[in-house]
Amino acid sequence: MMLGRTDVTLEADLPVIEHMPLAYQRDRRRPHFPYESEEDLVAYADAYGRVMDVVRLLRAEGIPLWPGTDDNTGFSLHRELELYTQAGY
């Protein structure tokens, strides 16, 4: 969600977004974190990278993580598993 932009579909939503009600589609194609400038967007992208760095560090230290469905729909679970895989889990 840190990478959300106005009228941009997040990678996590690509497989399902076109099959969802319009209200859901509109909600998912809006930024969930406020931004006022390009600098804000760069900061969010940097923060996302740091979160992934922390997940990689947790993996390196042998700390287990459990995927969750706190995004209400459960669809994001698959993307979360992809990201864990990218981090080495």
C-alpha atoms as a PDB file:
ATOM      1  CA  MET A   1       0.000   0.000   0.000  1.00  0.00           C
ATOM      2  CA  MET A   2       3.023   2.284   0.382  1.00  0.00           C
ATOM      3  CA  LEU A   3       3.304   2.195  -3.396  1.00  0.00           C
ATOM      4  CA  GLY A   4      -0.330   3.140  -4.056  1.00  0.00           C
ATOM      5  CA  ARG A   5      -0.897   5.977  -6.500  1.00  0.00           C
ATOM      6  CA  THR A   6      -3.998   7.642  -7.902  1.00  0.00           C
ATOM      7  CA  ASP A   7      -5.514   5.510 -10.684  1.00  0.00           C
ATOM      8  CA  VAL A   8      -2.733   2.907 -10.461  1.00  0.00           C
ATOM      9  CA  THR A   9      -3.554  -0.732  -9.739  1.00  0.00           C
ATOM     10  CA  LEU A  10      -1.246  -2.327  -7.199  1.00  0.00           C
ATOM     11  CA  GLU A  11       0.495  -5.487  -8.312  1.00  0.00           C
ATOM     12  CA  ALA A  12      -1.304  -7.416  -5.582  1.00  0.00           C
ATOM     13  CA  ASP A  13      -4.658  -6.488  -7.104  1.00  0.00           C
ATOM     14  CA  LEU A  14      -3.884  -7.173 -10.770  1.00  0.00           C
ATOM     15  CA  PRO A  15      -5.214 -10.765 -10.838  1.00  0.00           C
ATOM     16  CA  VAL A  16      -8.601  -9.886  -9.315  1.00  0.00           C
ATOM     17  CA  ILE A  17      -9.387  -6.199  -9.679  1.00  0.00           C
ATOM     18  CA  GLU A  18     -11.393  -6.454 -12.909  1.00  0.00           C
ATOM     19  CA  HIS A  19     -13.683  -9.063 -11.321  1.00  0.00           C
ATOM     20  CA  MET A  20     -14.551  -6.941  -8.301  1.00  0.00           C
ATOM     21  CA  PRO A  21     -17.394  -4.436  -7.785  1.00  0.00           C
ATOM     22  CA  LEU A  22     -16.684  -0.903  -9.004  1.00  0.00           C
ATOM     23  CA  ALA A  23     -16.616   0.535  -5.492  1.00  0.00           C
ATOM     24  CA  TYR A  24     -13.874  -1.923  -4.540  1.00  0.00           C
ATOM     25  CA  GLN A  25     -11.952  -1.104  -7.733  1.00  0.00           C
ATOM     26  CA  ARG A  26     -12.139   2.636  -7.002  1.00  0.00           C
ATOM     27  CA  ASP A  27     -10.982   2.105  -3.439  1.00  0.00           C
ATOM     28  CA  ARG A  28      -8.015   0.011  -4.530  1.00  0.00           C
ATOM     29  CA  ARG A  29      -6.978   2.534  -7.191  1.00  0.00           C
ATOM     30  CA  ARG A  30      -6.542   5.386  -4.764  1.00  0.00           C
ATOM     31  CA  PRO A  31      -3.580   6.215  -2.571  1.00  0.00           C
ATOM     32  CA  HIS A  32      -3.970   4.862   0.957  1.00  0.00           C
ATOM     33  CA  PHE A  33      -1.212   7.100   2.275  1.00  0.00           C
ATOM     34  CA  PRO A  34      -1.494  10.845   1.623  1.00  0.00           C
ATOM     35  CA  TYR A  35       1.063  12.599  -0.537  1.00  0.00           C
ATOM     36  CA  GLU A  36       1.507  16.127  -1.764  1.00  0.00           C
ATOM     37  CA  SER A  37       4.618  15.939  -3.887  1.00  0.00           C
ATOM     38  CA  GLU A  38       6.877  13.668  -5.879  1.00  0.00           C
ATOM     39  CA  GLU A  39       9.254  13.749  -2.903  1.00  0.00           C
ATOM     40  CA  ASP A  40       6.542  12.129  -0.774  1.00  0.00           C
ATOM     41  CA  LEU A  41       6.186   9.344  -3.345  1.00  0.00           C
ATOM     42  CA  VAL A  42       9.935   8.776  -3.358  1.00  0.00           C
ATOM     43  CA  ALA A  43       9.917   8.638   0.449  1.00  0.00           C
ATOM     44  CA  TYR A  44       7.169   5.993   0.404  1.00  0.00           C
ATOM     45  CA  ALA A  45       9.088   3.944  -2.168  1.00  0.00           C
ATOM     46  CA  ASP A  46      12.215   4.194   0.006  1.00  0.00           C
ATOM     47  CA  ALA A  47      10.217   3.154   3.071  1.00  0.00           C
ATOM     48  CA  TYR A  48       8.882   0.133   1.176  1.00  0.00           C
ATOM     49  CA  GLY A  49      12.458  -0.848   0.348  1.00  0.00           C
ATOM     50  CA  ARG A  50      13.414  -0.543   3.992  1.00  0.00           C
ATOM     51  CA  VAL A  51      10.495  -2.726   5.070  1.00  0.00           C
ATOM     52  CA  MET A  52      11.706  -5.388   2.651  1.00  0.00           C
ATOM     53  CA  ASP A  53      15.240  -4.995   4.075  1.00  0.00           C
ATOM     54  CA  VAL A  54      13.863  -5.620   7.573  1.00  0.00           C
ATOM     55  CA  VAL A  55      11.995  -8.723   6.383  1.00  0.00           C
ATOM     56  CA  ARG A  56      15.244 -10.013   4.818  1.00  0.00           C
ATOM     57  CA  LEU A  57      17.067  -9.330   8.086  1.00  0.00           C
ATOM     58  CA  LEU A  58      14.411 -11.209  10.047  1.00  0.00           C
ATOM     59  CA  ARG A  59      14.850 -14.143   7.680  1.00  0.00           C
ATOM     60  CA  ALA A  60      18.643 -14.023   8.050  1.00  0.00           C
ATOM     61  CA  GLU A  61      18.224 -14.124  11.826  1.00  0.00           C
ATOM     62  CA  GLY A  62      15.933 -17.153  11.597  1.00  0.00           C
ATOM     63  CA  ILE A  63      12.848 -15.321  12.840  1.00  0.00           C
ATOM     64  CA  PRO A  64       9.652 -16.883  11.466  1.00  0.00           C
ATOM     65  CA  LEU A  65       6.872 -14.731  10.057  1.00  0.00           C
ATOM     66  CA  TRP A  66       3.271 -15.743   9.545  1.00  0.00           C
ATOM     67  CA  PRO A  67       1.296 -14.350   6.627  1.00  0.00           C
ATOM     68  CA  GLY A  68      -2.007 -12.713   7.431  1.00  0.00           C
ATOM     69  CA  THR A  69      -5.233 -11.514   5.886  1.00  0.00           C
ATOM     70  CA  ASP A  70      -5.560  -8.141   7.593  1.00  0.00           C
ATOM     71  CA  ASP A  71      -6.471  -6.485   4.275  1.00  0.00           C
ATOM     72  CA  ASN A  72     -10.101  -7.560   4.798  1.00  0.00           C
ATOM     73  CA  THR A  73     -10.465  -9.367   1.473  1.00  0.00           C
ATOM     74  CA  GLY A  74      -7.770 -11.988   1.854  1.00  0.00           C
ATOM     75  CA  PHE A  75      -6.635 -11.430  -1.735  1.00  0.00           C
ATOM     76  CA  SER A  76      -3.474  -9.714  -0.551  1.00  0.00           C
ATOM     77  CA  LEU A  77      -2.347 -12.935   1.117  1.00  0.00           C
ATOM     78  CA  HIS A  78      -1.003 -14.246  -2.174  1.00  0.00           C
ATOM     79  CA  ARG A  79       1.034 -11.084  -2.742  1.00  0.00           C
ATOM     80  CA  GLU A  80       2.339 -11.272   0.814  1.00  0.00           C
ATOM     81  CA  LEU A  81       3.567 -14.800   0.145  1.00  0.00           C
ATOM     82  CA  GLU A  82       5.296 -13.566  -3.024  1.00  0.00           C
ATOM     83  CA  LEU A  83       7.042 -10.834  -1.049  1.00  0.00           C
ATOM     84  CA  TYR A  84       8.145 -13.279   1.639  1.00  0.00           C
ATOM     85  CA  THR A  85       9.596 -15.441  -1.120  1.00  0.00           C
ATOM     86  CA  GLN A  86      11.457 -12.442  -2.530  1.00  0.00           C
ATOM     87  CA  ALA A  87      12.867 -11.864   0.960  1.00  0.00           C
ATOM     88  CA  GLY A  88      14.177 -15.415   1.131  1.00  0.00           C
ATOM     89  CA  TYR A  89      11.505 -17.206   3.122  1.00  0.00           C
END
